[in-house]
Amino acid sequence: MQPFTQRIIQIIHSIPKGRVMSYGQIAACAGNPRAARQVARALHSMSDKHDLPWHRVVNAKGEIAVKDPSRQRKLLEMDGVVVIHDKISMREYQHDDPLCFEE
């Protein structure tokens, strides 16, 4: 596994219950701010294998960006995140991962 992919997995695992991160935010934190689509691909292909909290990842606008949003909405609400019209307040729920600021 590539170091960038390992970092993506580590960051997604670090998102606490009740918080969310965007694909682009994870990409930037992992070292490549232009790799949001890579984050989406890794999340899609590795969520089950690595038991990732995939539902805590949303787009930059705070919107649920999956084809069927009902499952993600339900999981986020179970985490305590308020979802209105499939949108989350990034101001209120965005996680600023301290791992992004290590070096």
PDB file of N, CA and C in Angstrom:
ATOM      1  N   MET A   1       0.849  -1.180   0.000  1.00  0.00           N
ATOM      2  CA  MET A   1       0.000   0.000   0.000  1.00  0.00           C
ATOM      3  C   MET A   1       0.897   1.247   0.000  1.00  0.00           C
ATOM      4  N   GLN A   2       0.513   2.217  -0.786  1.00  0.00           N
ATOM      5  CA  GLN A   2       1.269   3.461  -0.894  1.00  0.00           C
ATOM      6  C   GLN A   2       1.159   4.274   0.411  1.00  0.00           C
ATOM      7  N   PRO A   3       2.199   5.041   0.746  1.00  0.00           N
ATOM      8  CA  PRO A   3       2.157   5.863   1.957  1.00  0.00           C
ATOM      9  C   PRO A   3       0.977   6.847   1.975  1.00  0.00           C
ATOM     10  N   PHE A   4       0.648   7.419   0.810  1.00  0.00           N
ATOM     11  CA  PHE A   4      -0.480   8.346   0.744  1.00  0.00           C
ATOM     12  C   PHE A   4      -1.781   7.638   1.120  1.00  0.00           C
ATOM     13  N   THR A   5      -1.973   6.442   0.623  1.00  0.00           N
ATOM     14  CA  THR A   5      -3.178   5.662   0.931  1.00  0.00           C
ATOM     15  C   THR A   5      -3.206   5.287   2.411  1.00  0.00           C
ATOM     16  N   GLN A   6      -2.074   4.907   2.951  1.00  0.00           N
ATOM     17  CA  GLN A   6      -1.996   4.586   4.379  1.00  0.00           C
ATOM     18  C   GLN A   6      -2.378   5.798   5.223  1.00  0.00           C
ATOM     19  N   ARG A   7      -1.928   6.953   4.797  1.00  0.00           N
ATOM     20  CA  ARG A   7      -2.238   8.194   5.523  1.00  0.00           C
ATOM     21  C   ARG A   7      -3.745   8.493   5.453  1.00  0.00           C
ATOM     22  N   ILE A   8      -4.344   8.276   4.285  1.00  0.00           N
ATOM     23  CA  ILE A   8      -5.794   8.474   4.136  1.00  0.00           C
ATOM     24  C   ILE A   8      -6.541   7.600   5.143  1.00  0.00           C
ATOM     25  N   ILE A   9      -6.173   6.349   5.207  1.00  0.00           N
ATOM     26  CA  ILE A   9      -6.827   5.408   6.125  1.00  0.00           C
ATOM     27  C   ILE A   9      -6.658   5.859   7.578  1.00  0.00           C
ATOM     28  N   GLN A  10      -5.454   6.269   7.922  1.00  0.00           N
ATOM     29  CA  GLN A  10      -5.170   6.738   9.283  1.00  0.00           C
ATOM     30  C   GLN A  10      -6.029   7.965   9.625  1.00  0.00           C
ATOM     31  N   ILE A  11      -6.133   8.894   8.705  1.00  0.00           N
ATOM     32  CA  ILE A  11      -6.902  10.117   8.942  1.00  0.00           C
ATOM     33  C   ILE A  11      -8.389   9.806   9.098  1.00  0.00           C
ATOM     34  N   ILE A  12      -8.923   8.961   8.214  1.00  0.00           N
ATOM     35  CA  ILE A  12     -10.346   8.624   8.306  1.00  0.00           C
ATOM     36  C   ILE A  12     -10.652   7.914   9.619  1.00  0.00           C
ATOM     37  N   HIS A  13      -9.746   7.036  10.047  1.00  0.00           N
ATOM     38  CA  HIS A  13      -9.940   6.371  11.339  1.00  0.00           C
ATOM     39  C   HIS A  13      -9.942   7.371  12.491  1.00  0.00           C
ATOM     40  N   SER A  14      -9.270   8.492  12.324  1.00  0.00           N
ATOM     41  CA  SER A  14      -9.151   9.469  13.410  1.00  0.00           C
ATOM     42  C   SER A  14     -10.361  10.396  13.535  1.00  0.00           C
ATOM     43  N   ILE A  15     -11.296  10.343  12.593  1.00  0.00           N
ATOM     44  CA  ILE A  15     -12.467  11.231  12.670  1.00  0.00           C
ATOM     45  C   ILE A  15     -13.358  10.745  13.809  1.00  0.00           C
ATOM     46  N   PRO A  16     -13.539  11.572  14.824  1.00  0.00           N
ATOM     47  CA  PRO A  16     -14.335  11.112  15.969  1.00  0.00           C
ATOM     48  C   PRO A  16     -15.838  11.115  15.692  1.00  0.00           C
ATOM     49  N   LYS A  17     -16.526  10.353  16.488  1.00  0.00           N
ATOM     50  CA  LYS A  17     -17.990  10.322  16.433  1.00  0.00           C
ATOM     51  C   LYS A  17     -18.512  11.745  16.617  1.00  0.00           C
ATOM     52  N   GLY A  18     -19.496  12.117  15.788  1.00  0.00           N
ATOM     53  CA  GLY A  18     -20.076  13.443  15.891  1.00  0.00           C
ATOM     54  C   GLY A  18     -19.354  14.500  15.076  1.00  0.00           C
ATOM     55  N   ARG A  19     -18.364  14.099  14.283  1.00  0.00           N
ATOM     56  CA  ARG A  19     -17.597  15.025  13.451  1.00  0.00           C
ATOM     57  C   ARG A  19     -17.513  14.489  12.035  1.00  0.00           C
ATOM     58  N   VAL A  20     -17.194  15.370  11.079  1.00  0.00           N
ATOM     59  CA  VAL A  20     -17.018  14.978   9.682  1.00  0.00           C
ATOM     60  C   VAL A  20     -15.785  15.671   9.110  1.00  0.00           C
ATOM     61  N   MET A  21     -15.289  15.128   8.017  1.00  0.00           N
ATOM     62  CA  MET A  21     -14.217  15.757   7.241  1.00  0.00           C
ATOM     63  C   MET A  21     -14.611  15.660   5.772  1.00  0.00           C
ATOM     64  N   SER A  22     -14.090  16.572   4.964  1.00  0.00           N
ATOM     65  CA  SER A  22     -14.367  16.512   3.528  1.00  0.00           C
ATOM     66  C   SER A  22     -13.280  15.706   2.826  1.00  0.00           C
ATOM     67  N   TYR A  23     -13.611  15.233   1.628  1.00  0.00           N
ATOM     68  CA  TYR A  23     -12.640  14.488   0.824  1.00  0.00           C
ATOM     69  C   TYR A  23     -11.384  15.324   0.607  1.00  0.00           C
ATOM     70  N   GLY A  24     -11.569  16.593   0.248  1.00  0.00           N
ATOM     71  CA  GLY A  24     -10.439  17.480  -0.012  1.00  0.00           C
ATOM     72  C   GLY A  24      -9.619  17.766   1.231  1.00  0.00           C
ATOM     73  N   GLN A  25     -10.286  17.897   2.348  1.00  0.00           N
ATOM     74  CA  GLN A  25      -9.599  18.127   3.615  1.00  0.00           C
ATOM     75  C   GLN A  25      -8.715  16.932   3.958  1.00  0.00           C
ATOM     76  N   ILE A  26      -9.225  15.732   3.744  1.00  0.00           N
ATOM     77  CA  ILE A  26      -8.446  14.517   4.005  1.00  0.00           C
ATOM     78  C   ILE A  26      -7.257  14.451   3.053  1.00  0.00           C
ATOM     79  N   ALA A  27      -7.492  14.763   1.777  1.00  0.00           N
ATOM     80  CA  ALA A  27      -6.412  14.750   0.788  1.00  0.00           C
ATOM     81  C   ALA A  27      -5.303  15.720   1.181  1.00  0.00           C
ATOM     82  N   ALA A  28      -5.681  16.929   1.566  1.00  0.00           N
ATOM     83  CA  ALA A  28      -4.693  17.935   1.964  1.00  0.00           C
ATOM     84  C   ALA A  28      -3.928  17.476   3.205  1.00  0.00           C
ATOM     85  N   CYS A  29      -4.649  16.928   4.149  1.00  0.00           N
ATOM     86  CA  CYS A  29      -4.042  16.437   5.380  1.00  0.00           C
ATOM     87  C   CYS A  29      -3.058  15.299   5.091  1.00  0.00           C
ATOM     88  N   ALA A  30      -3.395  14.484   4.102  1.00  0.00           N
ATOM     89  CA  ALA A  30      -2.537  13.351   3.739  1.00  0.00           C
ATOM     90  C   ALA A  30      -1.352  13.771   2.873  1.00  0.00           C
ATOM     91  N   GLY A  31      -1.338  15.042   2.456  1.00  0.00           N
ATOM     92  CA  GLY A  31      -0.184  15.537   1.723  1.00  0.00           C
ATOM     93  C   GLY A  31      -0.392  15.880   0.269  1.00  0.00           C
ATOM     94  N   ASN A  32      -1.612  15.710  -0.245  1.00  0.00           N
ATOM     95  CA  ASN A  32      -1.875  16.040  -1.650  1.00  0.00           C
ATOM     96  C   ASN A  32      -3.238  16.718  -1.761  1.00  0.00           C
ATOM     97  N   PRO A  33      -3.268  18.056  -1.647  1.00  0.00           N
ATOM     98  CA  PRO A  33      -4.541  18.766  -1.629  1.00  0.00           C
ATOM     99  C   PRO A  33      -5.388  18.623  -2.891  1.00  0.00           C
ATOM    100  N   ARG A  34      -4.804  18.118  -3.971  1.00  0.00           N
ATOM    101  CA  ARG A  34      -5.552  17.963  -5.225  1.00  0.00           C
ATOM    102  C   ARG A  34      -6.058  16.533  -5.432  1.00  0.00           C
ATOM    103  N   ALA A  35      -6.034  15.731  -4.397  1.00  0.00           N
ATOM    104  CA  ALA A  35      -6.342  14.306  -4.550  1.00  0.00           C
ATOM    105  C   ALA A  35      -7.656  13.890  -3.891  1.00  0.00           C
ATOM    106  N   ALA A  36      -8.650  14.771  -3.887  1.00  0.00           N
ATOM    107  CA  ALA A  36      -9.936  14.428  -3.266  1.00  0.00           C
ATOM    108  C   ALA A  36     -10.557  13.186  -3.910  1.00  0.00           C
ATOM    109  N   ARG A  37     -10.413  13.065  -5.228  1.00  0.00           N
ATOM    110  CA  ARG A  37     -10.993  11.881  -5.899  1.00  0.00           C
ATOM    111  C   ARG A  37     -10.275  10.605  -5.490  1.00  0.00           C
ATOM    112  N   GLN A  38      -8.985  10.702  -5.237  1.00  0.00           N
ATOM    113  CA  GLN A  38      -8.239   9.540  -4.756  1.00  0.00           C
ATOM    114  C   GLN A  38      -8.755   9.118  -3.385  1.00  0.00           C
ATOM    115  N   VAL A  39      -9.080  10.094  -2.566  1.00  0.00           N
ATOM    116  CA  VAL A  39      -9.650   9.798  -1.246  1.00  0.00           C
ATOM    117  C   VAL A  39     -10.976   9.065  -1.424  1.00  0.00           C
ATOM    118  N   ALA A  40     -11.802   9.545  -2.334  1.00  0.00           N
ATOM    119  CA  ALA A  40     -13.094   8.901  -2.593  1.00  0.00           C
ATOM    120  C   ALA A  40     -12.899   7.458  -3.062  1.00  0.00           C
ATOM    121  N   ARG A  41     -11.957   7.244  -3.955  1.00  0.00           N
ATOM    122  CA  ARG A  41     -11.693   5.879  -4.442  1.00  0.00           C
ATOM    123  C   ARG A  41     -11.200   4.970  -3.324  1.00  0.00           C
ATOM    124  N   ALA A  42     -10.268   5.478  -2.516  1.00  0.00           N
ATOM    125  CA  ALA A  42      -9.750   4.676  -1.402  1.00  0.00           C
ATOM    126  C   ALA A  42     -10.864   4.347  -0.418  1.00  0.00           C
ATOM    127  N   LEU A  43     -11.689   5.332  -0.136  1.00  0.00           N
ATOM    128  CA  LEU A  43     -12.802   5.126   0.792  1.00  0.00           C
ATOM    129  C   LEU A  43     -13.753   4.065   0.259  1.00  0.00           C
ATOM    130  N   HIS A  44     -14.069   4.160  -1.021  1.00  0.00           N
ATOM    131  CA  HIS A  44     -14.985   3.203  -1.655  1.00  0.00           C
ATOM    132  C   HIS A  44     -14.414   1.791  -1.644  1.00  0.00           C
ATOM    133  N   SER A  45     -13.138   1.658  -1.962  1.00  0.00           N
ATOM    134  CA  SER A  45     -12.561   0.320  -2.110  1.00  0.00           C
ATOM    135  C   SER A  45     -12.051  -0.290  -0.806  1.00  0.00           C
ATOM    136  N   MET A  46     -11.836   0.513   0.229  1.00  0.00           N
ATOM    137  CA  MET A  46     -11.202  -0.013   1.439  1.00  0.00           C
ATOM    138  C   MET A  46     -12.028   0.127   2.712  1.00  0.00           C
ATOM    139  N   SER A  47     -13.225   0.666   2.620  1.00  0.00           N
ATOM    140  CA  SER A  47     -14.027   0.902   3.827  1.00  0.00           C
ATOM    141  C   SER A  47     -14.288  -0.368   4.621  1.00  0.00           C
ATOM    142  N   ASP A  48     -14.707  -1.420   3.946  1.00  0.00           N
ATOM    143  CA  ASP A  48     -15.002  -2.669   4.643  1.00  0.00           C
ATOM    144  C   ASP A  48     -13.734  -3.336   5.172  1.00  0.00           C
ATOM    145  N   LYS A  49     -12.730  -3.419   4.325  1.00  0.00           N
ATOM    146  CA  LYS A  49     -11.482  -4.098   4.686  1.00  0.00           C
ATOM    147  C   LYS A  49     -10.825  -3.465   5.914  1.00  0.00           C
ATOM    148  N   HIS A  50     -10.882  -2.148   6.005  1.00  0.00           N
ATOM    149  CA  HIS A  50     -10.208  -1.435   7.099  1.00  0.00           C
ATOM    150  C   HIS A  50     -11.187  -0.879   8.140  1.00  0.00           C
ATOM    151  N   ASP A  51     -12.454  -1.270   8.024  1.00  0.00           N
ATOM    152  CA  ASP A  51     -13.489  -0.849   8.964  1.00  0.00           C
ATOM    153  C   ASP A  51     -13.485   0.667   9.162  1.00  0.00           C
ATOM    154  N   LEU A  52     -13.522   1.384   8.042  1.00  0.00           N
ATOM    155  CA  LEU A  52     -13.461   2.844   8.065  1.00  0.00           C
ATOM    156  C   LEU A  52     -14.831   3.451   8.363  1.00  0.00           C
ATOM    157  N   PRO A  53     -14.864   4.533   9.133  1.00  0.00           N
ATOM    158  CA  PRO A  53     -16.124   5.242   9.364  1.00  0.00           C
ATOM    159  C   PRO A  53     -16.442   6.132   8.151  1.00  0.00           C
ATOM    160  N   TRP A  54     -16.736   5.496   7.026  1.00  0.00           N
ATOM    161  CA  TRP A  54     -16.933   6.158   5.738  1.00  0.00           C
ATOM    162  C   TRP A  54     -18.011   7.230   5.791  1.00  0.00           C
ATOM    163  N   HIS A  55     -18.987   7.033   6.658  1.00  0.00           N
ATOM    164  CA  HIS A  55     -20.120   7.961   6.730  1.00  0.00           C
ATOM    165  C   HIS A  55     -19.722   9.329   7.272  1.00  0.00           C
ATOM    166  N   ARG A  56     -18.535   9.446   7.843  1.00  0.00           N
ATOM    167  CA  ARG A  56     -18.065  10.725   8.383  1.00  0.00           C
ATOM    168  C   ARG A  56     -17.317  11.562   7.353  1.00  0.00           C
ATOM    169  N   VAL A  57     -17.353  11.140   6.101  1.00  0.00           N
ATOM    170  CA  VAL A  57     -16.692  11.875   5.013  1.00  0.00           C
ATOM    171  C   VAL A  57     -17.767  12.425   4.078  1.00  0.00           C
ATOM    172  N   VAL A  58     -17.728  13.727   3.863  1.00  0.00           N
ATOM    173  CA  VAL A  58     -18.722  14.415   3.028  1.00  0.00           C
ATOM    174  C   VAL A  58     -17.987  15.318   2.037  1.00  0.00           C
ATOM    175  N   ASN A  59     -18.725  15.945   1.139  1.00  0.00           N
ATOM    176  CA  ASN A  59     -18.058  16.847   0.203  1.00  0.00           C
ATOM    177  C   ASN A  59     -17.749  18.183   0.879  1.00  0.00           C
ATOM    178  N   ALA A  60     -17.059  19.060   0.176  1.00  0.00           N
ATOM    179  CA  ALA A  60     -16.589  20.325   0.747  1.00  0.00           C
ATOM    180  C   ALA A  60     -17.720  21.245   1.192  1.00  0.00           C
ATOM    181  N   LYS A  61     -18.893  21.063   0.608  1.00  0.00           N
ATOM    182  CA  LYS A  61     -20.045  21.880   0.984  1.00  0.00           C
ATOM    183  C   LYS A  61     -20.799  21.296   2.189  1.00  0.00           C
ATOM    184  N   GLY A  62     -20.325  20.152   2.668  1.00  0.00           N
ATOM    185  CA  GLY A  62     -21.005  19.494   3.778  1.00  0.00           C
ATOM    186  C   GLY A  62     -22.151  18.615   3.332  1.00  0.00           C
ATOM    187  N   GLU A  63     -22.204  18.342   2.031  1.00  0.00           N
ATOM    188  CA  GLU A  63     -23.305  17.546   1.490  1.00  0.00           C
ATOM    189  C   GLU A  63     -22.946  16.063   1.439  1.00  0.00           C
ATOM    190  N   ILE A  64     -23.951  15.241   1.662  1.00  0.00           N
ATOM    191  CA  ILE A  64     -23.790  13.810   1.464  1.00  0.00           C
ATOM    192  C   ILE A  64     -23.705  13.587  -0.041  1.00  0.00           C
ATOM    193  N   ALA A  65     -22.641  12.933  -0.483  1.00  0.00           N
ATOM    194  CA  ALA A  65     -22.388  12.827  -1.921  1.00  0.00           C
ATOM    195  C   ALA A  65     -22.420  11.388  -2.430  1.00  0.00           C
ATOM    196  N   VAL A  66     -23.220  10.552  -1.798  1.00  0.00           N
ATOM    197  CA  VAL A  66     -23.357   9.172  -2.262  1.00  0.00           C
ATOM    198  C   VAL A  66     -24.697   9.029  -2.983  1.00  0.00           C
ATOM    199  N   LYS A  67     -24.804   7.986  -3.815  1.00  0.00           N
ATOM    200  CA  LYS A  67     -26.026   7.797  -4.620  1.00  0.00           C
ATOM    201  C   LYS A  67     -27.278   7.656  -3.767  1.00  0.00           C
ATOM    202  N   ASP A  68     -27.184   6.863  -2.714  1.00  0.00           N
ATOM    203  CA  ASP A  68     -28.324   6.678  -1.812  1.00  0.00           C
ATOM    204  C   ASP A  68     -27.938   7.245  -0.449  1.00  0.00           C
ATOM    205  N   PRO A  69     -28.327   8.475  -0.159  1.00  0.00           N
ATOM    206  CA  PRO A  69     -27.873   9.138   1.064  1.00  0.00           C
ATOM    207  C   PRO A  69     -28.520   8.656   2.365  1.00  0.00           C
ATOM    208  N   SER A  70     -29.561   7.846   2.273  1.00  0.00           N
ATOM    209  CA  SER A  70     -30.307   7.497   3.488  1.00  0.00           C
ATOM    210  C   SER A  70     -29.469   6.765   4.530  1.00  0.00           C
ATOM    211  N   ARG A  71     -28.617   5.841   4.114  1.00  0.00           N
ATOM    212  CA  ARG A  71     -27.799   5.091   5.080  1.00  0.00           C
ATOM    213  C   ARG A  71     -26.777   6.011   5.746  1.00  0.00           C
ATOM    214  N   GLN A  72     -26.106   6.854   4.942  1.00  0.00           N
ATOM    215  CA  GLN A  72     -25.127   7.771   5.511  1.00  0.00           C
ATOM    216  C   GLN A  72     -25.798   8.758   6.459  1.00  0.00           C
ATOM    217  N   ARG A  73     -26.945   9.274   6.059  1.00  0.00           N
ATOM    218  CA  ARG A  73     -27.693  10.203   6.915  1.00  0.00           C
ATOM    219  C   ARG A  73     -28.009   9.547   8.260  1.00  0.00           C
ATOM    220  N   LYS A  74     -28.501   8.312   8.207  1.00  0.00           N
ATOM    221  CA  LYS A  74     -28.861   7.595   9.433  1.00  0.00           C
ATOM    222  C   LYS A  74     -27.650   7.389  10.343  1.00  0.00           C
ATOM    223  N   LEU A  75     -26.523   6.986   9.760  1.00  0.00           N
ATOM    224  CA  LEU A  75     -25.312   6.761  10.557  1.00  0.00           C
ATOM    225  C   LEU A  75     -24.796   8.060  11.166  1.00  0.00           C
ATOM    226  N   LEU A  76     -24.835   9.143  10.393  1.00  0.00           N
ATOM    227  CA  LEU A  76     -24.401  10.433  10.929  1.00  0.00           C
ATOM    228  C   LEU A  76     -25.312  10.879  12.068  1.00  0.00           C
ATOM    229  N   GLU A  77     -26.605  10.717  11.886  1.00  0.00           N
ATOM    230  CA  GLU A  77     -27.546  11.099  12.939  1.00  0.00           C
ATOM    231  C   GLU A  77     -27.335  10.249  14.192  1.00  0.00           C
ATOM    232  N   MET A  78     -27.000   8.971  14.020  1.00  0.00           N
ATOM    233  CA  MET A  78     -26.693   8.108  15.166  1.00  0.00           C
ATOM    234  C   MET A  78     -25.432   8.593  15.886  1.00  0.00           C
ATOM    235  N   ASP A  79     -24.530   9.245  15.139  1.00  0.00           N
ATOM    236  CA  ASP A  79     -23.308   9.827  15.716  1.00  0.00           C
ATOM    237  C   ASP A  79     -23.585  11.157  16.412  1.00  0.00           C
ATOM    238  N   GLY A  80     -24.797  11.698  16.240  1.00  0.00           N
ATOM    239  CA  GLY A  80     -25.132  12.969  16.852  1.00  0.00           C
ATOM    240  C   GLY A  80     -24.995  14.167  15.928  1.00  0.00           C
ATOM    241  N   VAL A  81     -24.768  13.910  14.641  1.00  0.00           N
ATOM    242  CA  VAL A  81     -24.639  14.984  13.659  1.00  0.00           C
ATOM    243  C   VAL A  81     -26.029  15.336  13.134  1.00  0.00           C
ATOM    244  N   VAL A  82     -26.340  16.620  13.108  1.00  0.00           N
ATOM    245  CA  VAL A  82     -27.614  17.078  12.569  1.00  0.00           C
ATOM    246  C   VAL A  82     -27.485  17.179  11.052  1.00  0.00           C
ATOM    247  N   VAL A  83     -28.371  16.482  10.345  1.00  0.00           N
ATOM    248  CA  VAL A  83     -28.375  16.485   8.883  1.00  0.00           C
ATOM    249  C   VAL A  83     -29.699  17.074   8.420  1.00  0.00           C
ATOM    250  N   ILE A  84     -29.623  18.156   7.656  1.00  0.00           N
ATOM    251  CA  ILE A  84     -30.827  18.806   7.147  1.00  0.00           C
ATOM    252  C   ILE A  84     -30.742  18.831   5.622  1.00  0.00           C
ATOM    253  N   HIS A  85     -31.707  18.186   4.979  1.00  0.00           N
ATOM    254  CA  HIS A  85     -31.729  18.088   3.512  1.00  0.00           C
ATOM    255  C   HIS A  85     -30.398  17.543   2.980  1.00  0.00           C
ATOM    256  N   ASP A  86     -29.906  16.482   3.624  1.00  0.00           N
ATOM    257  CA  ASP A  86     -28.655  15.815   3.254  1.00  0.00           C
ATOM    258  C   ASP A  86     -27.442  16.732   3.297  1.00  0.00           C
ATOM    259  N   LYS A  87     -27.483  17.706   4.182  1.00  0.00           N
ATOM    260  CA  LYS A  87     -26.364  18.636   4.341  1.00  0.00           C
ATOM    261  C   LYS A  87     -26.018  18.786   5.824  1.00  0.00           C
ATOM    262  N   ILE A  88     -24.713  18.921   6.077  1.00  0.00           N
ATOM    263  CA  ILE A  88     -24.184  19.046   7.429  1.00  0.00           C
ATOM    264  C   ILE A  88     -23.523  20.414   7.550  1.00  0.00           C
ATOM    265  N   SER A  89     -23.668  21.063   8.680  1.00  0.00           N
ATOM    266  CA  SER A  89     -22.988  22.331   8.918  1.00  0.00           C
ATOM    267  C   SER A  89     -21.514  22.055   9.178  1.00  0.00           C
ATOM    268  N   MET A  90     -20.669  22.407   8.210  1.00  0.00           N
ATOM    269  CA  MET A  90     -19.231  22.195   8.385  1.00  0.00           C
ATOM    270  C   MET A  90     -18.705  23.096   9.505  1.00  0.00           C
ATOM    271  N   ARG A  91     -19.286  24.242   9.661  1.00  0.00           N
ATOM    272  CA  ARG A  91     -18.862  25.148  10.741  1.00  0.00           C
ATOM    273  C   ARG A  91     -19.012  24.466  12.100  1.00  0.00           C
ATOM    274  N   GLU A  92     -20.095  23.710  12.236  1.00  0.00           N
ATOM    275  CA  GLU A  92     -20.381  23.078  13.523  1.00  0.00           C
ATOM    276  C   GLU A  92     -19.730  21.702  13.691  1.00  0.00           C
ATOM    277  N   TYR A  93     -19.643  20.928  12.613  1.00  0.00           N
ATOM    278  CA  TYR A  93     -19.245  19.523  12.747  1.00  0.00           C
ATOM    279  C   TYR A  93     -17.905  19.149  12.110  1.00  0.00           C
ATOM    280  N   GLN A  94     -17.252  20.076  11.429  1.00  0.00           N
ATOM    281  CA  GLN A  94     -15.993  19.731  10.760  1.00  0.00           C
ATOM    282  C   GLN A  94     -14.903  19.429  11.781  1.00  0.00           C
ATOM    283  N   HIS A  95     -14.214  18.329  11.551  1.00  0.00           N
ATOM    284  CA  HIS A  95     -13.123  17.903  12.424  1.00  0.00           C
ATOM    285  C   HIS A  95     -11.811  18.445  11.891  1.00  0.00           C
ATOM    286  N   ASP A  96     -11.090  19.159  12.724  1.00  0.00           N
ATOM    287  CA  ASP A  96      -9.744  19.606  12.373  1.00  0.00           C
ATOM    288  C   ASP A  96      -8.776  18.621  12.992  1.00  0.00           C
ATOM    289  N   ASP A  97      -8.318  17.703  12.179  1.00  0.00           N
ATOM    290  CA  ASP A  97      -7.495  16.597  12.655  1.00  0.00           C
ATOM    291  C   ASP A  97      -6.119  17.082  13.096  1.00  0.00           C
ATOM    292  N   PRO A  98      -5.746  16.843  14.347  1.00  0.00           N
ATOM    293  CA  PRO A  98      -4.422  17.265  14.807  1.00  0.00           C
ATOM    294  C   PRO A  98      -3.296  16.542  14.061  1.00  0.00           C
ATOM    295  N   LEU A  99      -3.581  15.386  13.466  1.00  0.00           N
ATOM    296  CA  LEU A  99      -2.566  14.678  12.689  1.00  0.00           C
ATOM    297  C   LEU A  99      -2.129  15.500  11.467  1.00  0.00           C
ATOM    298  N   CYS A 100      -2.992  16.402  11.017  1.00  0.00           N
ATOM    299  CA  CYS A 100      -2.664  17.237   9.860  1.00  0.00           C
ATOM    300  C   CYS A 100      -1.599  18.255  10.192  1.00  0.00           C
ATOM    301  N   PHE A 101      -1.429  18.520  11.464  1.00  0.00           N
ATOM    302  CA  PHE A 101      -0.516  19.585  11.847  1.00  0.00           C
ATOM    303  C   PHE A 101       0.776  19.054  12.451  1.00  0.00           C
ATOM    304  N   GLU A 102       0.970  17.747  12.395  1.00  0.00           N
ATOM    305  CA  GLU A 102       2.234  17.157  12.850  1.00  0.00           C
ATOM    306  C   GLU A 102       3.293  17.360  11.788  1.00  0.00           C
ATOM    307  N   GLU A 103       4.479  17.384  12.116  1.00  0.00           N
ATOM    308  CA  GLU A 103       5.629  17.377  11.190  1.00  0.00           C
ATOM    309  C   GLU A 103       6.859  17.690  11.975  1.00  0.00           C
TER     310      GLU A 103
END
